Structure formats: structure tokens, C-alpha cells
N, C-alpha and C. Protein backbone atom coordinates (compact mmCIF):
# COMPACT_ATOMS: atom_id res chain seq x y z
N TRP A 1 0.83 -1.19 0.00
CA TRP A 1 0.00 0.00 0.00
C TRP A 1 0.88 1.25 0.00
N LEU A 2 1.86 1.30 0.90
CA LEU A 2 2.73 2.47 1.02
C LEU A 2 3.48 2.73 -0.28
N LEU A 3 3.98 1.66 -0.90
CA LEU A 3 4.70 1.84 -2.16
C LEU A 3 3.79 2.42 -3.24
N LYS A 4 2.56 1.95 -3.30
CA LYS A 4 1.62 2.49 -4.29
C LYS A 4 1.33 3.96 -4.01
N ALA A 5 1.15 4.30 -2.74
CA ALA A 5 0.88 5.69 -2.38
C ALA A 5 2.06 6.59 -2.74
N LEU A 6 3.25 6.13 -2.45
CA LEU A 6 4.44 6.91 -2.79
C LEU A 6 4.62 7.02 -4.29
N ASP A 7 4.24 5.98 -5.00
CA ASP A 7 4.34 5.97 -6.45
C ASP A 7 3.40 7.01 -7.07
N ARG A 8 2.24 7.22 -6.47
CA ARG A 8 1.26 8.18 -6.99
C ARG A 8 1.61 9.60 -6.61
N GLN A 9 2.35 9.80 -5.53
CA GLN A 9 2.64 11.12 -5.01
C GLN A 9 3.30 12.05 -6.04
N PRO A 10 4.34 11.64 -6.75
CA PRO A 10 4.94 12.56 -7.72
C PRO A 10 3.97 12.97 -8.82
N ALA A 11 3.10 12.09 -9.23
CA ALA A 11 2.13 12.44 -10.26
C ALA A 11 1.19 13.52 -9.75
N ALA A 12 0.74 13.39 -8.51
CA ALA A 12 -0.15 14.40 -7.93
C ALA A 12 0.58 15.73 -7.79
N GLN A 13 1.83 15.69 -7.35
CA GLN A 13 2.61 16.92 -7.22
C GLN A 13 2.84 17.56 -8.59
N GLY A 14 3.10 16.73 -9.57
CA GLY A 14 3.31 17.24 -10.92
C GLY A 14 2.06 17.89 -11.47
N GLU A 15 0.91 17.31 -11.19
CA GLU A 15 -0.37 17.89 -11.63
C GLU A 15 -0.56 19.27 -11.02
N ALA A 16 -0.28 19.39 -9.73
CA ALA A 16 -0.43 20.68 -9.06
C ALA A 16 0.55 21.70 -9.63
N GLN A 17 1.78 21.27 -9.93
CA GLN A 17 2.76 22.18 -10.49
C GLN A 17 2.37 22.62 -11.90
N ARG A 18 1.73 21.73 -12.66
CA ARG A 18 1.32 22.07 -14.01
C ARG A 18 0.13 23.02 -14.02
N ASP A 19 -0.63 23.10 -12.93
CA ASP A 19 -1.78 23.98 -12.85
C ASP A 19 -1.31 25.37 -12.46
N ARG A 20 -1.08 26.20 -13.44
CA ARG A 20 -0.55 27.53 -13.16
C ARG A 20 -1.56 28.44 -12.48
N PHE A 21 -2.82 27.97 -12.36
CA PHE A 21 -3.86 28.75 -11.68
C PHE A 21 -4.12 28.25 -10.26
N ALA A 22 -3.29 27.33 -9.78
CA ALA A 22 -3.52 26.72 -8.47
C ALA A 22 -3.51 27.75 -7.34
N GLY A 23 -2.79 28.83 -7.49
CA GLY A 23 -2.72 29.86 -6.44
C GLY A 23 -3.90 30.81 -6.43
N LEU A 24 -4.74 30.74 -7.44
CA LEU A 24 -5.91 31.62 -7.52
C LEU A 24 -7.09 30.99 -6.79
N SER A 25 -8.06 31.80 -6.47
CA SER A 25 -9.30 31.26 -5.89
C SER A 25 -9.95 30.37 -6.96
N PRO A 26 -10.80 29.44 -6.55
CA PRO A 26 -11.45 28.57 -7.54
C PRO A 26 -12.19 29.33 -8.63
N ILE A 27 -12.89 30.40 -8.27
CA ILE A 27 -13.68 31.14 -9.27
C ILE A 27 -12.76 31.93 -10.20
N ASP A 28 -11.69 32.52 -9.65
CA ASP A 28 -10.75 33.27 -10.49
C ASP A 28 -10.03 32.33 -11.45
N ALA A 29 -9.66 31.15 -10.96
CA ALA A 29 -8.99 30.16 -11.82
C ALA A 29 -9.93 29.73 -12.94
N LEU A 30 -11.19 29.51 -12.64
CA LEU A 30 -12.16 29.14 -13.68
C LEU A 30 -12.24 30.23 -14.75
N HIS A 31 -12.38 31.48 -14.31
CA HIS A 31 -12.48 32.58 -15.28
C HIS A 31 -11.23 32.68 -16.15
N ARG A 32 -10.07 32.49 -15.57
CA ARG A 32 -8.83 32.53 -16.36
C ARG A 32 -8.79 31.40 -17.37
N ARG A 33 -9.19 30.20 -16.96
CA ARG A 33 -9.22 29.06 -17.89
C ARG A 33 -10.18 29.34 -19.04
N LEU A 34 -11.35 29.88 -18.72
CA LEU A 34 -12.34 30.16 -19.77
C LEU A 34 -11.87 31.28 -20.69
N ASP A 35 -11.16 32.25 -20.16
CA ASP A 35 -10.65 33.36 -20.99
C ASP A 35 -9.70 32.87 -22.08
N GLU A 36 -9.06 31.75 -21.85
CA GLU A 36 -8.06 31.23 -22.80
C GLU A 36 -8.67 30.34 -23.90
N ILE A 37 -9.96 30.11 -23.86
CA ILE A 37 -10.58 29.18 -24.80
C ILE A 37 -10.74 29.82 -26.17
N ASP A 38 -10.35 29.07 -27.19
CA ASP A 38 -10.54 29.47 -28.59
C ASP A 38 -11.88 28.91 -29.06
N LEU A 39 -12.85 29.80 -29.27
CA LEU A 39 -14.20 29.37 -29.62
C LEU A 39 -14.30 28.77 -31.02
N ASP A 40 -13.29 28.98 -31.86
CA ASP A 40 -13.32 28.44 -33.21
C ASP A 40 -13.02 26.95 -33.25
N ASP A 41 -12.42 26.42 -32.21
CA ASP A 41 -12.14 24.99 -32.12
C ASP A 41 -13.15 24.38 -31.15
N SER A 42 -14.28 23.95 -31.70
CA SER A 42 -15.41 23.52 -30.89
C SER A 42 -15.08 22.37 -29.93
N VAL A 43 -14.39 21.36 -30.42
CA VAL A 43 -14.08 20.20 -29.57
C VAL A 43 -13.16 20.63 -28.42
N ALA A 44 -12.12 21.36 -28.74
CA ALA A 44 -11.19 21.81 -27.69
C ALA A 44 -11.90 22.76 -26.72
N ALA A 45 -12.75 23.63 -27.23
CA ALA A 45 -13.47 24.57 -26.37
C ALA A 45 -14.38 23.83 -25.40
N HIS A 46 -15.09 22.82 -25.89
CA HIS A 46 -15.97 22.05 -25.01
C HIS A 46 -15.17 21.22 -24.01
N THR A 47 -14.05 20.69 -24.45
CA THR A 47 -13.20 19.92 -23.55
C THR A 47 -12.67 20.81 -22.44
N ARG A 48 -12.18 21.98 -22.81
CA ARG A 48 -11.61 22.89 -21.81
C ARG A 48 -12.68 23.49 -20.91
N SER A 49 -13.86 23.77 -21.46
CA SER A 49 -14.96 24.29 -20.63
C SER A 49 -15.38 23.27 -19.59
N SER A 50 -15.53 22.03 -20.04
CA SER A 50 -15.92 20.96 -19.13
C SER A 50 -14.87 20.78 -18.04
N ARG A 51 -13.62 20.77 -18.44
CA ARG A 51 -12.54 20.58 -17.46
C ARG A 51 -12.49 21.75 -16.48
N ALA A 52 -12.67 22.97 -16.97
CA ALA A 52 -12.65 24.14 -16.08
C ALA A 52 -13.77 24.04 -15.04
N LEU A 53 -14.95 23.64 -15.48
CA LEU A 53 -16.07 23.50 -14.54
C LEU A 53 -15.82 22.37 -13.55
N ARG A 54 -15.27 21.27 -14.04
CA ARG A 54 -14.97 20.14 -13.16
C ARG A 54 -13.93 20.52 -12.09
N ILE A 55 -12.89 21.24 -12.50
CA ILE A 55 -11.87 21.67 -11.54
C ILE A 55 -12.49 22.61 -10.52
N PHE A 56 -13.34 23.52 -10.98
CA PHE A 56 -14.02 24.45 -10.07
C PHE A 56 -14.87 23.69 -9.06
N LEU A 57 -15.68 22.74 -9.54
CA LEU A 57 -16.54 21.96 -8.64
C LEU A 57 -15.69 21.19 -7.64
N ASP A 58 -14.59 20.65 -8.12
CA ASP A 58 -13.69 19.89 -7.27
C ASP A 58 -13.12 20.77 -6.16
N ARG A 59 -12.64 21.94 -6.53
CA ARG A 59 -12.00 22.83 -5.56
C ARG A 59 -13.01 23.54 -4.66
N ARG A 60 -14.14 23.97 -5.22
CA ARG A 60 -15.07 24.81 -4.46
C ARG A 60 -16.04 24.00 -3.62
N LEU A 61 -16.53 22.89 -4.18
CA LEU A 61 -17.52 22.09 -3.47
C LEU A 61 -16.95 20.81 -2.91
N GLU A 62 -15.65 20.60 -3.15
CA GLU A 62 -14.99 19.36 -2.74
C GLU A 62 -15.73 18.15 -3.29
N VAL A 63 -16.11 18.28 -4.55
CA VAL A 63 -16.76 17.20 -5.29
C VAL A 63 -15.71 16.59 -6.20
N SER A 64 -15.49 15.30 -6.10
CA SER A 64 -14.49 14.64 -6.95
C SER A 64 -15.00 14.64 -8.39
N ALA A 65 -14.67 15.71 -9.12
CA ALA A 65 -15.26 15.89 -10.44
C ALA A 65 -14.26 15.82 -11.58
N VAL A 66 -12.99 16.02 -11.30
CA VAL A 66 -12.01 16.15 -12.37
C VAL A 66 -11.91 14.89 -13.21
N GLU A 67 -11.78 13.75 -12.58
CA GLU A 67 -11.62 12.49 -13.32
C GLU A 67 -12.89 11.65 -13.31
N ALA A 68 -13.96 12.17 -12.75
CA ALA A 68 -15.20 11.40 -12.63
C ALA A 68 -16.02 11.47 -13.92
N THR A 69 -16.86 10.47 -14.11
CA THR A 69 -17.81 10.51 -15.22
C THR A 69 -18.93 11.48 -14.83
N THR A 70 -19.71 11.88 -15.80
CA THR A 70 -20.83 12.77 -15.52
C THR A 70 -21.82 12.11 -14.56
N THR A 71 -22.02 10.82 -14.71
CA THR A 71 -22.92 10.10 -13.79
C THR A 71 -22.38 10.11 -12.37
N GLU A 72 -21.08 9.93 -12.23
CA GLU A 72 -20.47 9.99 -10.89
C GLU A 72 -20.59 11.40 -10.30
N ILE A 73 -20.40 12.40 -11.13
CA ILE A 73 -20.54 13.79 -10.67
C ILE A 73 -21.96 14.02 -10.19
N GLN A 74 -22.93 13.46 -10.90
CA GLN A 74 -24.32 13.61 -10.51
C GLN A 74 -24.54 13.12 -9.07
N ARG A 75 -24.00 11.96 -8.76
CA ARG A 75 -24.13 11.42 -7.40
C ARG A 75 -23.47 12.34 -6.38
N HIS A 76 -22.30 12.86 -6.73
CA HIS A 76 -21.59 13.76 -5.81
C HIS A 76 -22.37 15.07 -5.60
N LEU A 77 -22.90 15.62 -6.68
CA LEU A 77 -23.59 16.91 -6.59
C LEU A 77 -24.86 16.83 -5.76
N HIS A 78 -25.54 15.70 -5.80
CA HIS A 78 -26.76 15.56 -5.02
C HIS A 78 -26.48 15.55 -3.52
N ARG A 79 -25.23 15.39 -3.14
CA ARG A 79 -24.84 15.42 -1.72
C ARG A 79 -24.42 16.82 -1.28
N THR A 80 -24.48 17.79 -2.17
CA THR A 80 -24.09 19.17 -1.84
C THR A 80 -25.33 19.97 -1.49
N SER A 81 -25.13 21.24 -1.23
CA SER A 81 -26.25 22.13 -0.91
C SER A 81 -26.88 22.74 -2.16
N LEU A 82 -26.44 22.33 -3.33
CA LEU A 82 -27.02 22.86 -4.57
C LEU A 82 -28.46 22.38 -4.71
N THR A 83 -29.28 23.23 -5.33
CA THR A 83 -30.66 22.83 -5.59
C THR A 83 -30.69 21.82 -6.73
N SER A 84 -31.79 21.10 -6.85
CA SER A 84 -31.89 20.12 -7.94
C SER A 84 -31.85 20.83 -9.30
N GLU A 85 -32.34 22.05 -9.38
CA GLU A 85 -32.28 22.81 -10.63
C GLU A 85 -30.83 23.14 -10.99
N GLU A 86 -30.04 23.54 -10.00
CA GLU A 86 -28.63 23.84 -10.25
C GLU A 86 -27.88 22.58 -10.67
N VAL A 87 -28.16 21.48 -10.01
CA VAL A 87 -27.51 20.21 -10.36
C VAL A 87 -27.89 19.83 -11.79
N ARG A 88 -29.16 19.96 -12.14
CA ARG A 88 -29.62 19.62 -13.49
C ARG A 88 -28.91 20.48 -14.53
N GLU A 89 -28.78 21.77 -14.26
CA GLU A 89 -28.13 22.66 -15.22
C GLU A 89 -26.66 22.29 -15.42
N ILE A 90 -25.97 21.97 -14.33
CA ILE A 90 -24.56 21.56 -14.43
C ILE A 90 -24.46 20.28 -15.25
N LEU A 91 -25.31 19.31 -14.95
CA LEU A 91 -25.26 18.02 -15.65
C LEU A 91 -25.63 18.18 -17.12
N ASP A 92 -26.62 19.00 -17.42
CA ASP A 92 -26.99 19.25 -18.82
C ASP A 92 -25.80 19.81 -19.59
N LEU A 93 -25.11 20.76 -18.97
CA LEU A 93 -23.96 21.36 -19.63
C LEU A 93 -22.84 20.35 -19.83
N LEU A 94 -22.53 19.56 -18.79
CA LEU A 94 -21.48 18.56 -18.92
C LEU A 94 -21.83 17.52 -19.98
N ARG A 95 -23.09 17.13 -20.05
CA ARG A 95 -23.51 16.17 -21.08
C ARG A 95 -23.41 16.76 -22.48
N ALA A 96 -23.75 18.04 -22.62
CA ALA A 96 -23.60 18.70 -23.92
C ALA A 96 -22.13 18.73 -24.33
N CYS A 97 -21.26 19.02 -23.37
CA CYS A 97 -19.81 19.00 -23.66
C CYS A 97 -19.37 17.60 -24.03
N ASP A 98 -19.87 16.59 -23.32
CA ASP A 98 -19.53 15.20 -23.63
C ASP A 98 -19.93 14.83 -25.06
N ARG A 99 -21.10 15.29 -25.50
CA ARG A 99 -21.55 14.96 -26.86
C ARG A 99 -20.60 15.54 -27.90
N VAL A 100 -20.09 16.72 -27.64
CA VAL A 100 -19.15 17.33 -28.59
C VAL A 100 -17.79 16.63 -28.50
N LYS A 101 -17.34 16.36 -27.28
CA LYS A 101 -16.02 15.74 -27.09
C LYS A 101 -15.97 14.32 -27.63
N PHE A 102 -16.98 13.53 -27.32
CA PHE A 102 -16.91 12.10 -27.62
C PHE A 102 -17.69 11.68 -28.86
N ALA A 103 -18.84 12.29 -29.09
CA ALA A 103 -19.65 11.92 -30.25
C ALA A 103 -19.40 12.87 -31.41
N ARG A 104 -18.55 13.87 -31.17
CA ARG A 104 -18.19 14.86 -32.20
C ARG A 104 -19.42 15.56 -32.78
N GLU A 105 -20.37 15.88 -31.88
CA GLU A 105 -21.54 16.65 -32.29
C GLU A 105 -21.05 17.99 -32.83
N ALA A 106 -21.56 18.38 -34.00
CA ALA A 106 -21.15 19.64 -34.61
C ALA A 106 -21.83 20.81 -33.90
N VAL A 107 -21.02 21.83 -33.59
CA VAL A 107 -21.54 23.01 -32.90
C VAL A 107 -20.89 24.23 -33.53
N VAL A 108 -21.71 25.24 -33.84
CA VAL A 108 -21.17 26.47 -34.42
C VAL A 108 -20.49 27.29 -33.32
N PRO A 109 -19.52 28.14 -33.69
CA PRO A 109 -18.81 28.93 -32.67
C PRO A 109 -19.73 29.75 -31.77
N ALA A 110 -20.83 30.27 -32.30
CA ALA A 110 -21.74 31.06 -31.46
C ALA A 110 -22.32 30.21 -30.33
N ARG A 111 -22.69 28.98 -30.64
CA ARG A 111 -23.24 28.07 -29.62
C ARG A 111 -22.14 27.68 -28.63
N THR A 112 -20.93 27.51 -29.12
CA THR A 112 -19.80 27.21 -28.24
C THR A 112 -19.61 28.37 -27.26
N GLY A 113 -19.69 29.59 -27.76
CA GLY A 113 -19.56 30.78 -26.90
C GLY A 113 -20.66 30.83 -25.85
N GLU A 114 -21.87 30.44 -26.23
CA GLU A 114 -22.98 30.41 -25.27
C GLU A 114 -22.70 29.40 -24.16
N ARG A 115 -22.13 28.27 -24.54
CA ARG A 115 -21.84 27.25 -23.52
C ARG A 115 -20.73 27.71 -22.57
N VAL A 116 -19.73 28.38 -23.10
CA VAL A 116 -18.67 28.92 -22.25
C VAL A 116 -19.28 29.96 -21.29
N ALA A 117 -20.16 30.80 -21.80
CA ALA A 117 -20.83 31.79 -20.96
C ALA A 117 -21.70 31.10 -19.90
N THR A 118 -22.30 29.99 -20.25
CA THR A 118 -23.11 29.24 -19.29
C THR A 118 -22.24 28.67 -18.17
N VAL A 119 -21.06 28.19 -18.52
CA VAL A 119 -20.14 27.71 -17.49
C VAL A 119 -19.84 28.85 -16.51
N ARG A 120 -19.56 30.03 -17.04
CA ARG A 120 -19.29 31.19 -16.18
C ARG A 120 -20.47 31.49 -15.26
N ARG A 121 -21.66 31.53 -15.84
CA ARG A 121 -22.86 31.86 -15.08
C ARG A 121 -23.12 30.84 -13.98
N ILE A 122 -23.00 29.57 -14.33
CA ILE A 122 -23.21 28.51 -13.34
C ILE A 122 -22.20 28.64 -12.20
N ALA A 123 -20.93 28.78 -12.55
CA ALA A 123 -19.88 28.88 -11.53
C ALA A 123 -20.06 30.12 -10.67
N ASP A 124 -20.44 31.23 -11.29
CA ASP A 124 -20.66 32.46 -10.51
C ASP A 124 -21.81 32.26 -9.52
N GLY A 125 -22.86 31.57 -9.94
CA GLY A 125 -23.99 31.28 -9.05
C GLY A 125 -23.58 30.37 -7.90
N VAL A 126 -22.82 29.34 -8.21
CA VAL A 126 -22.33 28.44 -7.16
C VAL A 126 -21.44 29.22 -6.19
N GLU A 127 -20.58 30.06 -6.73
CA GLU A 127 -19.68 30.85 -5.88
C GLU A 127 -20.48 31.75 -4.94
N ARG A 128 -21.49 32.44 -5.46
CA ARG A 128 -22.32 33.31 -4.61
C ARG A 128 -22.97 32.50 -3.49
N GLN A 129 -23.47 31.33 -3.84
CA GLN A 129 -24.13 30.48 -2.84
C GLN A 129 -23.15 30.02 -1.76
N VAL A 130 -21.96 29.60 -2.18
CA VAL A 130 -20.96 29.13 -1.22
C VAL A 130 -20.52 30.27 -0.31
N VAL A 131 -20.27 31.44 -0.88
CA VAL A 131 -19.85 32.59 -0.10
C VAL A 131 -20.94 32.97 0.91
N ALA A 132 -22.20 32.98 0.46
CA ALA A 132 -23.30 33.31 1.37
C ALA A 132 -23.40 32.28 2.49
N ARG A 133 -23.25 31.01 2.16
CA ARG A 133 -23.33 29.95 3.17
C ARG A 133 -22.18 30.10 4.18
N LEU A 134 -20.98 30.41 3.70
CA LEU A 134 -19.84 30.59 4.61
C LEU A 134 -20.03 31.83 5.50
N ALA A 135 -20.57 32.90 4.93
CA ALA A 135 -20.83 34.11 5.72
C ALA A 135 -21.87 33.83 6.79
N ALA A 136 -22.92 33.10 6.44
CA ALA A 136 -23.96 32.77 7.42
C ALA A 136 -23.38 31.90 8.53
N ALA A 137 -22.53 30.97 8.20
CA ALA A 137 -21.91 30.11 9.21
C ALA A 137 -21.00 30.93 10.13
N ALA A 138 -20.27 31.88 9.54
CA ALA A 138 -19.41 32.75 10.35
C ALA A 138 -20.25 33.61 11.29
N ASP A 139 -21.38 34.12 10.79
CA ASP A 139 -22.29 34.92 11.64
C ASP A 139 -22.82 34.08 12.79
N ARG A 140 -23.23 32.85 12.51
CA ARG A 140 -23.75 31.97 13.57
C ARG A 140 -22.66 31.69 14.61
N ALA A 141 -21.44 31.47 14.15
CA ALA A 141 -20.34 31.20 15.08
C ALA A 141 -20.06 32.43 15.94
N ARG A 142 -20.08 33.62 15.33
CA ARG A 142 -19.86 34.86 16.08
C ARG A 142 -20.96 35.06 17.11
N ASP A 143 -22.22 34.83 16.70
CA ASP A 143 -23.35 34.97 17.63
C ASP A 143 -23.23 33.98 18.78
N ALA A 144 -22.85 32.77 18.50
CA ALA A 144 -22.70 31.75 19.55
C ALA A 144 -21.59 32.15 20.51
N LYS A 145 -20.52 32.71 19.99
CA LYS A 145 -19.41 33.14 20.83
C LYS A 145 -19.84 34.29 21.73
N ARG A 146 -20.62 35.23 21.18
CA ARG A 146 -21.11 36.36 21.98
C ARG A 146 -22.05 35.88 23.09
N ARG A 147 -22.94 34.95 22.74
CA ARG A 147 -23.88 34.42 23.74
C ARG A 147 -23.12 33.70 24.86
N LYS A 148 -22.10 32.99 24.46
CA LYS A 148 -21.30 32.25 25.45
C LYS A 148 -20.55 33.23 26.37
N ALA A 149 -20.05 34.32 25.80
CA ALA A 149 -19.31 35.31 26.57
C ALA A 149 -20.23 36.12 27.49
N ALA A 150 -21.50 36.24 27.12
CA ALA A 150 -22.44 37.08 27.89
C ALA A 150 -22.98 36.41 29.09
């Protein structure tokens, strides 16, 4: 077991070193990844959009999404605080990206741009929700501390 774990360690470290956005917040890293997408290459754009969203979900929601299938992501997302509508929208987008990546569904650049914009919108919504939830938790902790001190 230990040998296998040590064997995997350099690969994980290498992955982190290759991610030049690792020092950014999850939402800023997503926006930077999306900014670099060439909309004229539909397959690459969908691949990179899907990966950017998966990395964001992985980092922000602690959902194992980077190497997971869309079905596996679905199971993970249902365990988060996201609404079923938000989960459905994420899955619909990932499935649309999968159709372009794997089935080579033809998509015009304008539609590709819409999907990239949808990734941004979804991630921004998730980010707002997470920030609000963290702020509410901090407020509750502060209130509990004040009550305890009083």
C-alpha cells in the first residue's frame, strides 16, 4: 500500500505544479481558464470548458469531479447544498460538452460561446451560494461566541 501511495505522489505533485492557476481562488482560476478558450475549435473549447467547470466543482464544493464521469458527478452533486435545478443545469452542460467531445456533435462557434458563458454563469452562481453559506456560518459562530461570553 505504502509503495503504491508513494508511487502516486509525484504524479499528484506534478499535476499541481502544471496547474498555473492553483494559487488563484477557484472562481478566479475558472475565469482565467475560460478566458483562454478558442471558440473556433469547438471540440477543444468544449473539452476545456468541461474541465474548467470540473476543476471548479472539485475545488469549491470538494466534489471529486475532475476524473469522474458525468454520472459519478451527478451522485456527488446531489450530496451538496445545490438545488436540484442547479444540479440539473450543471449536468446538462457537462452532457452537452460530452456529446461534442466524444460523439463529435457539430456546434457552431456562437453556440460554443454560449456554452462557455453558461459555465461562467453557473460557476458564478455556485460561488455566490458558497460565499453566502460561509458568511452565514461565520455569523452563527460569532453569535454563539457572543452568547457564550455574555
